[in-house]
Amino acid sequence: SLGIAAVRVRSDAPDRRTYLLRPDLGRRLRAEDRAALAPRPGCFAIVLADGLCATGVRAHAAPLLAALLPDL
């Protein structure tokens, strides 16, 4: 809704249960998603992750980005 490009990637944890049991997998990107984040000149990344609260990300991600982007 903000008119910016987004790339969705996932961690090595295939589901929430695995993430809770193996948080180390949640800190690593899936191998096939790493290529989507290859460095590009003039680009930067803002990482929004749901962790344990997807509702919080849904509620606050767009307002956060809307406030942040004009200053970038």
PDB file of N, CA and C in Angstrom:
ATOM      1  N   SER A   1       0.805  -1.205   0.000  1.00  0.00           N
ATOM      2  CA  SER A   1       0.000   0.000   0.000  1.00  0.00           C
ATOM      3  C   SER A   1       0.847   1.269   0.000  1.00  0.00           C
ATOM      4  N   LEU A   2       2.142   1.136   0.283  1.00  0.00           N
ATOM      5  CA  LEU A   2       3.030   2.305   0.308  1.00  0.00           C
ATOM      6  C   LEU A   2       3.744   2.512  -1.020  1.00  0.00           C
ATOM      7  N   GLY A   3       3.542   1.612  -1.965  1.00  0.00           N
ATOM      8  CA  GLY A   3       4.154   1.756  -3.279  1.00  0.00           C
ATOM      9  C   GLY A   3       5.641   1.446  -3.309  1.00  0.00           C
ATOM     10  N   ILE A   4       6.102   0.603  -2.429  1.00  0.00           N
ATOM     11  CA  ILE A   4       7.513   0.214  -2.423  1.00  0.00           C
ATOM     12  C   ILE A   4       7.627  -1.277  -2.715  1.00  0.00           C
ATOM     13  N   ALA A   5       8.761  -1.653  -3.290  1.00  0.00           N
ATOM     14  CA  ALA A   5       8.982  -3.057  -3.612  1.00  0.00           C
ATOM     15  C   ALA A   5       9.269  -3.843  -2.341  1.00  0.00           C
ATOM     16  N   ALA A   6       8.766  -5.038  -2.286  1.00  0.00           N
ATOM     17  CA  ALA A   6       9.005  -5.902  -1.134  1.00  0.00           C
ATOM     18  C   ALA A   6       9.401  -7.290  -1.614  1.00  0.00           C
ATOM     19  N   VAL A   7      10.279  -7.903  -0.874  1.00  0.00           N
ATOM     20  CA  VAL A   7      10.684  -9.273  -1.148  1.00  0.00           C
ATOM     21  C   VAL A   7      10.360 -10.086   0.094  1.00  0.00           C
ATOM     22  N   ARG A   8       9.567 -11.100  -0.066  1.00  0.00           N
ATOM     23  CA  ARG A   8       9.206 -11.950   1.072  1.00  0.00           C
ATOM     24  C   ARG A   8      10.141 -13.151   1.090  1.00  0.00           C
ATOM     25  N   VAL A   9      10.764 -13.371   2.219  1.00  0.00           N
ATOM     26  CA  VAL A   9      11.655 -14.514   2.394  1.00  0.00           C
ATOM     27  C   VAL A   9      11.233 -15.268   3.646  1.00  0.00           C
ATOM     28  N   ARG A  10      11.731 -16.488   3.774  1.00  0.00           N
ATOM     29  CA  ARG A  10      11.387 -17.299   4.941  1.00  0.00           C
ATOM     30  C   ARG A  10      12.649 -17.864   5.562  1.00  0.00           C
ATOM     31  N   SER A  11      12.534 -18.213   6.809  1.00  0.00           N
ATOM     32  CA  SER A  11      13.673 -18.794   7.519  1.00  0.00           C
ATOM     33  C   SER A  11      13.722 -20.301   7.282  1.00  0.00           C
ATOM     34  N   ASP A  12      14.753 -20.915   7.835  1.00  0.00           N
ATOM     35  CA  ASP A  12      14.884 -22.367   7.748  1.00  0.00           C
ATOM     36  C   ASP A  12      13.893 -23.099   8.648  1.00  0.00           C
ATOM     37  N   ALA A  13      13.200 -22.396   9.510  1.00  0.00           N
ATOM     38  CA  ALA A  13      12.171 -23.031  10.343  1.00  0.00           C
ATOM     39  C   ALA A  13      10.899 -23.169   9.508  1.00  0.00           C
ATOM     40  N   PRO A  14      10.485 -24.374   9.195  1.00  0.00           N
ATOM     41  CA  PRO A  14       9.348 -24.556   8.294  1.00  0.00           C
ATOM     42  C   PRO A  14       7.989 -24.203   8.895  1.00  0.00           C
ATOM     43  N   ASP A  15       7.918 -24.140  10.242  1.00  0.00           N
ATOM     44  CA  ASP A  15       6.645 -23.822  10.883  1.00  0.00           C
ATOM     45  C   ASP A  15       6.923 -23.243  12.268  1.00  0.00           C
ATOM     46  N   ARG A  16       5.883 -22.736  12.905  1.00  0.00           N
ATOM     47  CA  ARG A  16       6.020 -22.077  14.209  1.00  0.00           C
ATOM     48  C   ARG A  16       6.516 -23.039  15.285  1.00  0.00           C
ATOM     49  N   ARG A  17       6.027 -24.272  15.261  1.00  0.00           N
ATOM     50  CA  ARG A  17       6.467 -25.253  16.269  1.00  0.00           C
ATOM     51  C   ARG A  17       7.976 -25.471  16.181  1.00  0.00           C
ATOM     52  N   THR A  18       8.474 -25.661  14.963  1.00  0.00           N
ATOM     53  CA  THR A  18       9.912 -25.853  14.783  1.00  0.00           C
ATOM     54  C   THR A  18      10.675 -24.614  15.228  1.00  0.00           C
ATOM     55  N   TYR A  19      10.142 -23.444  14.912  1.00  0.00           N
ATOM     56  CA  TYR A  19      10.779 -22.189  15.323  1.00  0.00           C
ATOM     57  C   TYR A  19      10.914 -22.120  16.846  1.00  0.00           C
ATOM     58  N   LEU A  20       9.876 -22.529  17.557  1.00  0.00           N
ATOM     59  CA  LEU A  20       9.921 -22.499  19.019  1.00  0.00           C
ATOM     60  C   LEU A  20      10.897 -23.522  19.584  1.00  0.00           C
ATOM     61  N   LEU A  21      10.973 -24.672  18.938  1.00  0.00           N
ATOM     62  CA  LEU A  21      11.878 -25.720  19.408  1.00  0.00           C
ATOM     63  C   LEU A  21      13.319 -25.498  18.949  1.00  0.00           C
ATOM     64  N   ARG A  22      13.487 -24.852  17.801  1.00  0.00           N
ATOM     65  CA  ARG A  22      14.817 -24.620  17.222  1.00  0.00           C
ATOM     66  C   ARG A  22      14.951 -23.172  16.766  1.00  0.00           C
ATOM     67  N   PRO A  23      15.071 -22.226  17.697  1.00  0.00           N
ATOM     68  CA  PRO A  23      15.166 -20.816  17.308  1.00  0.00           C
ATOM     69  C   PRO A  23      16.362 -20.511  16.411  1.00  0.00           C
ATOM     70  N   ASP A  24      17.389 -21.346  16.447  1.00  0.00           N
ATOM     71  CA  ASP A  24      18.528 -21.138  15.559  1.00  0.00           C
ATOM     72  C   ASP A  24      18.102 -21.219  14.096  1.00  0.00           C
ATOM     73  N   LEU A  25      17.134 -22.083  13.787  1.00  0.00           N
ATOM     74  CA  LEU A  25      16.638 -22.172  12.408  1.00  0.00           C
ATOM     75  C   LEU A  25      15.885 -20.912  12.006  1.00  0.00           C
ATOM     76  N   GLY A  26      15.258 -20.270  12.952  1.00  0.00           N
ATOM     77  CA  GLY A  26      14.545 -19.026  12.666  1.00  0.00           C
ATOM     78  C   GLY A  26      15.471 -17.860  12.377  1.00  0.00           C
ATOM     79  N   ARG A  27      16.748 -17.999  12.698  1.00  0.00           N
ATOM     80  CA  ARG A  27      17.716 -16.935  12.442  1.00  0.00           C
ATOM     81  C   ARG A  27      18.449 -17.108  11.114  1.00  0.00           C
ATOM     82  N   ARG A  28      18.138 -18.185  10.390  1.00  0.00           N
ATOM     83  CA  ARG A  28      18.801 -18.446   9.110  1.00  0.00           C
ATOM     84  C   ARG A  28      17.781 -18.412   7.977  1.00  0.00           C
ATOM     85  N   LEU A  29      18.163 -17.787   6.876  1.00  0.00           N
ATOM     86  CA  LEU A  29      17.300 -17.782   5.701  1.00  0.00           C
ATOM     87  C   LEU A  29      17.378 -19.108   4.972  1.00  0.00           C
ATOM     88  N   ARG A  30      16.254 -19.461   4.353  1.00  0.00           N
ATOM     89  CA  ARG A  30      16.274 -20.632   3.472  1.00  0.00           C
ATOM     90  C   ARG A  30      17.260 -20.360   2.349  1.00  0.00           C
ATOM     91  N   ALA A  31      17.976 -21.368   1.936  1.00  0.00           N
ATOM     92  CA  ALA A  31      18.999 -21.217   0.898  1.00  0.00           C
ATOM     93  C   ALA A  31      18.417 -20.604  -0.372  1.00  0.00           C
ATOM     94  N   GLU A  32      17.225 -21.040  -0.760  1.00  0.00           N
ATOM     95  CA  GLU A  32      16.645 -20.522  -2.010  1.00  0.00           C
ATOM     96  C   GLU A  32      16.219 -19.051  -1.910  1.00  0.00           C
ATOM     97  N   ASP A  33      16.048 -18.551  -0.688  1.00  0.00           N
ATOM     98  CA  ASP A  33      15.664 -17.145  -0.525  1.00  0.00           C
ATOM     99  C   ASP A  33      16.869 -16.201  -0.430  1.00  0.00           C
ATOM    100  N   ARG A  34      18.042 -16.742  -0.160  1.00  0.00           N
ATOM    101  CA  ARG A  34      19.230 -15.885  -0.052  1.00  0.00           C
ATOM    102  C   ARG A  34      19.491 -15.126  -1.341  1.00  0.00           C
ATOM    103  N   ALA A  35      19.273 -15.764  -2.475  1.00  0.00           N
ATOM    104  CA  ALA A  35      19.522 -15.127  -3.765  1.00  0.00           C
ATOM    105  C   ALA A  35      18.619 -13.914  -3.974  1.00  0.00           C
ATOM    106  N   ALA A  36      17.426 -13.941  -3.402  1.00  0.00           N
ATOM    107  CA  ALA A  36      16.497 -12.814  -3.546  1.00  0.00           C
ATOM    108  C   ALA A  36      17.024 -11.571  -2.845  1.00  0.00           C
ATOM    109  N   LEU A  37      17.957 -11.755  -1.935  1.00  0.00           N
ATOM    110  CA  LEU A  37      18.514 -10.630  -1.185  1.00  0.00           C
ATOM    111  C   LEU A  37      19.940 -10.297  -1.607  1.00  0.00           C
ATOM    112  N   ALA A  38      20.321 -10.714  -2.800  1.00  0.00           N
ATOM    113  CA  ALA A  38      21.660 -10.399  -3.289  1.00  0.00           C
ATOM    114  C   ALA A  38      21.857  -8.886  -3.278  1.00  0.00           C
ATOM    115  N   PRO A  39      23.050  -8.427  -2.912  1.00  0.00           N
ATOM    116  CA  PRO A  39      23.305  -6.978  -2.853  1.00  0.00           C
ATOM    117  C   PRO A  39      23.031  -6.289  -4.193  1.00  0.00           C
ATOM    118  N   ARG A  40      22.378  -5.157  -4.103  1.00  0.00           N
ATOM    119  CA  ARG A  40      22.086  -4.342  -5.284  1.00  0.00           C
ATOM    120  C   ARG A  40      22.526  -2.919  -4.986  1.00  0.00           C
ATOM    121  N   PRO A  41      23.311  -2.309  -5.879  1.00  0.00           N
ATOM    122  CA  PRO A  41      23.763  -0.933  -5.629  1.00  0.00           C
ATOM    123  C   PRO A  41      22.586   0.011  -5.399  1.00  0.00           C
ATOM    124  N   GLY A  42      22.701   0.845  -4.388  1.00  0.00           N
ATOM    125  CA  GLY A  42      21.673   1.837  -4.103  1.00  0.00           C
ATOM    126  C   GLY A  42      20.449   1.300  -3.365  1.00  0.00           C
ATOM    127  N   CYS A  43      20.474   0.040  -2.976  1.00  0.00           N
ATOM    128  CA  CYS A  43      19.334  -0.550  -2.274  1.00  0.00           C
ATOM    129  C   CYS A  43      19.679  -0.812  -0.818  1.00  0.00           C
ATOM    130  N   PHE A  44      18.680  -0.914  -0.018  1.00  0.00           N
ATOM    131  CA  PHE A  44      18.856  -1.265   1.382  1.00  0.00           C
ATOM    132  C   PHE A  44      17.695  -2.165   1.784  1.00  0.00           C
ATOM    133  N   ALA A  45      17.805  -2.740   2.943  1.00  0.00           N
ATOM    134  CA  ALA A  45      16.760  -3.651   3.407  1.00  0.00           C
ATOM    135  C   ALA A  45      16.253  -3.220   4.769  1.00  0.00           C
ATOM    136  N   ILE A  46      14.972  -3.311   4.936  1.00  0.00           N
ATOM    137  CA  ILE A  46      14.324  -3.165   6.238  1.00  0.00           C
ATOM    138  C   ILE A  46      13.666  -4.505   6.508  1.00  0.00           C
ATOM    139  N   VAL A  47      14.034  -5.116   7.597  1.00  0.00           N
ATOM    140  CA  VAL A  47      13.517  -6.443   7.913  1.00  0.00           C
ATOM    141  C   VAL A  47      12.359  -6.312   8.888  1.00  0.00           C
ATOM    142  N   LEU A  48      11.213  -6.836   8.490  1.00  0.00           N
ATOM    143  CA  LEU A  48      10.041  -6.906   9.357  1.00  0.00           C
ATOM    144  C   LEU A  48       9.751  -8.382   9.573  1.00  0.00           C
ATOM    145  N   ALA A  49       9.844  -8.818  10.803  1.00  0.00           N
ATOM    146  CA  ALA A  49       9.649 -10.232  11.104  1.00  0.00           C
ATOM    147  C   ALA A  49       8.580 -10.392  12.173  1.00  0.00           C
ATOM    148  N   ASP A  50       7.749 -11.393  12.022  1.00  0.00           N
ATOM    149  CA  ASP A  50       6.676 -11.569  12.997  1.00  0.00           C
ATOM    150  C   ASP A  50       7.140 -12.215  14.284  1.00  0.00           C
ATOM    151  N   GLY A  51       8.208 -12.987  14.259  1.00  0.00           N
ATOM    152  CA  GLY A  51       8.663 -13.617  15.489  1.00  0.00           C
ATOM    153  C   GLY A  51       7.517 -14.333  16.173  1.00  0.00           C
ATOM    154  N   LEU A  52       7.147 -13.884  17.344  1.00  0.00           N
ATOM    155  CA  LEU A  52       6.044 -14.520  18.067  1.00  0.00           C
ATOM    156  C   LEU A  52       4.761 -13.699  18.007  1.00  0.00           C
ATOM    157  N   CYS A  53       4.764 -12.563  17.290  1.00  0.00           N
ATOM    158  CA  CYS A  53       3.580 -11.698  17.300  1.00  0.00           C
ATOM    159  C   CYS A  53       3.274 -11.161  15.899  1.00  0.00           C
ATOM    160  N   ALA A  54       2.659 -11.992  15.076  1.00  0.00           N
ATOM    161  CA  ALA A  54       2.285 -11.563  13.736  1.00  0.00           C
ATOM    162  C   ALA A  54       1.273 -10.424  13.772  1.00  0.00           C
ATOM    163  N   THR A  55       0.425 -10.392  14.771  1.00  0.00           N
ATOM    164  CA  THR A  55      -0.580  -9.335  14.898  1.00  0.00           C
ATOM    165  C   THR A  55       0.096  -7.972  15.053  1.00  0.00           C
ATOM    166  N   GLY A  56       1.165  -7.915  15.811  1.00  0.00           N
ATOM    167  CA  GLY A  56       1.901  -6.665  15.999  1.00  0.00           C
ATOM    168  C   GLY A  56       2.494  -6.159  14.705  1.00  0.00           C
ATOM    169  N   VAL A  57       3.056  -7.051  13.905  1.00  0.00           N
ATOM    170  CA  VAL A  57       3.627  -6.642  12.617  1.00  0.00           C
ATOM    171  C   VAL A  57       2.526  -6.130  11.706  1.00  0.00           C
ATOM    172  N   ARG A  58       1.416  -6.839  11.648  1.00  0.00           N
ATOM    173  CA  ARG A  58       0.303  -6.391  10.791  1.00  0.00           C
ATOM    174  C   ARG A  58      -0.202  -5.015  11.208  1.00  0.00           C
ATOM    175  N   ALA A  59      -0.246  -4.761  12.487  1.00  0.00           N
ATOM    176  CA  ALA A  59      -0.780  -3.492  12.992  1.00  0.00           C
ATOM    177  C   ALA A  59       0.198  -2.329  12.824  1.00  0.00           C
ATOM    178  N   HIS A  60       1.502  -2.597  12.931  1.00  0.00           N
ATOM    179  CA  HIS A  60       2.454  -1.493  13.028  1.00  0.00           C
ATOM    180  C   HIS A  60       3.433  -1.355  11.876  1.00  0.00           C
ATOM    181  N   ALA A  61       3.559  -2.342  11.005  1.00  0.00           N
ATOM    182  CA  ALA A  61       4.562  -2.281   9.939  1.00  0.00           C
ATOM    183  C   ALA A  61       4.317  -1.127   8.972  1.00  0.00           C
ATOM    184  N   ALA A  62       3.115  -1.006   8.445  1.00  0.00           N
ATOM    185  CA  ALA A  62       2.836   0.058   7.471  1.00  0.00           C
ATOM    186  C   ALA A  62       2.998   1.450   8.082  1.00  0.00           C
ATOM    187  N   PRO A  63       2.461   1.728   9.274  1.00  0.00           N
ATOM    188  CA  PRO A  63       2.691   3.056   9.860  1.00  0.00           C
ATOM    189  C   PRO A  63       4.174   3.330  10.148  1.00  0.00           C
ATOM    190  N   LEU A  64       4.902   2.320  10.570  1.00  0.00           N
ATOM    191  CA  LEU A  64       6.333   2.495  10.814  1.00  0.00           C
ATOM    192  C   LEU A  64       7.057   2.860   9.531  1.00  0.00           C
ATOM    193  N   LEU A  65       6.803   2.113   8.463  1.00  0.00           N
ATOM    194  CA  LEU A  65       7.452   2.402   7.189  1.00  0.00           C
ATOM    195  C   LEU A  65       7.027   3.756   6.642  1.00  0.00           C
ATOM    196  N   ALA A  66       5.772   4.107   6.774  1.00  0.00           N
ATOM    197  CA  ALA A  66       5.291   5.402   6.293  1.00  0.00           C
ATOM    198  C   ALA A  66       6.004   6.553   7.006  1.00  0.00           C
ATOM    199  N   ALA A  67       6.288   6.387   8.277  1.00  0.00           N
ATOM    200  CA  ALA A  67       7.005   7.418   9.024  1.00  0.00           C
ATOM    201  C   ALA A  67       8.496   7.423   8.722  1.00  0.00           C
ATOM    202  N   LEU A  68       9.069   6.266   8.446  1.00  0.00           N
ATOM    203  CA  LEU A  68      10.508   6.129   8.225  1.00  0.00           C
ATOM    204  C   LEU A  68      10.939   6.545   6.833  1.00  0.00           C
ATOM    205  N   LEU A  69      10.204   6.159   5.826  1.00  0.00           N
ATOM    206  CA  LEU A  69      10.632   6.353   4.433  1.00  0.00           C
ATOM    207  C   LEU A  69      10.895   7.796   4.033  1.00  0.00           C
ATOM    208  N   PRO A  70      10.115   8.774   4.430  1.00  0.00           N
ATOM    209  CA  PRO A  70      10.431  10.151   4.023  1.00  0.00           C
ATOM    210  C   PRO A  70      11.807  10.633   4.480  1.00  0.00           C
ATOM    211  N   ASP A  71      12.305  10.104   5.588  1.00  0.00           N
ATOM    212  CA  ASP A  71      13.606  10.501   6.090  1.00  0.00           C
ATOM    213  C   ASP A  71      14.761   9.758   5.434  1.00  0.00           C
ATOM    214  N   LEU A  72      14.461   8.754   4.664  1.00  0.00           N
ATOM    215  CA  LEU A  72      15.511   8.012   3.966  1.00  0.00           C
ATOM    216  C   LEU A  72      15.762   8.643   2.633  1.00  0.00           C
TER     217      LEU A  72
END
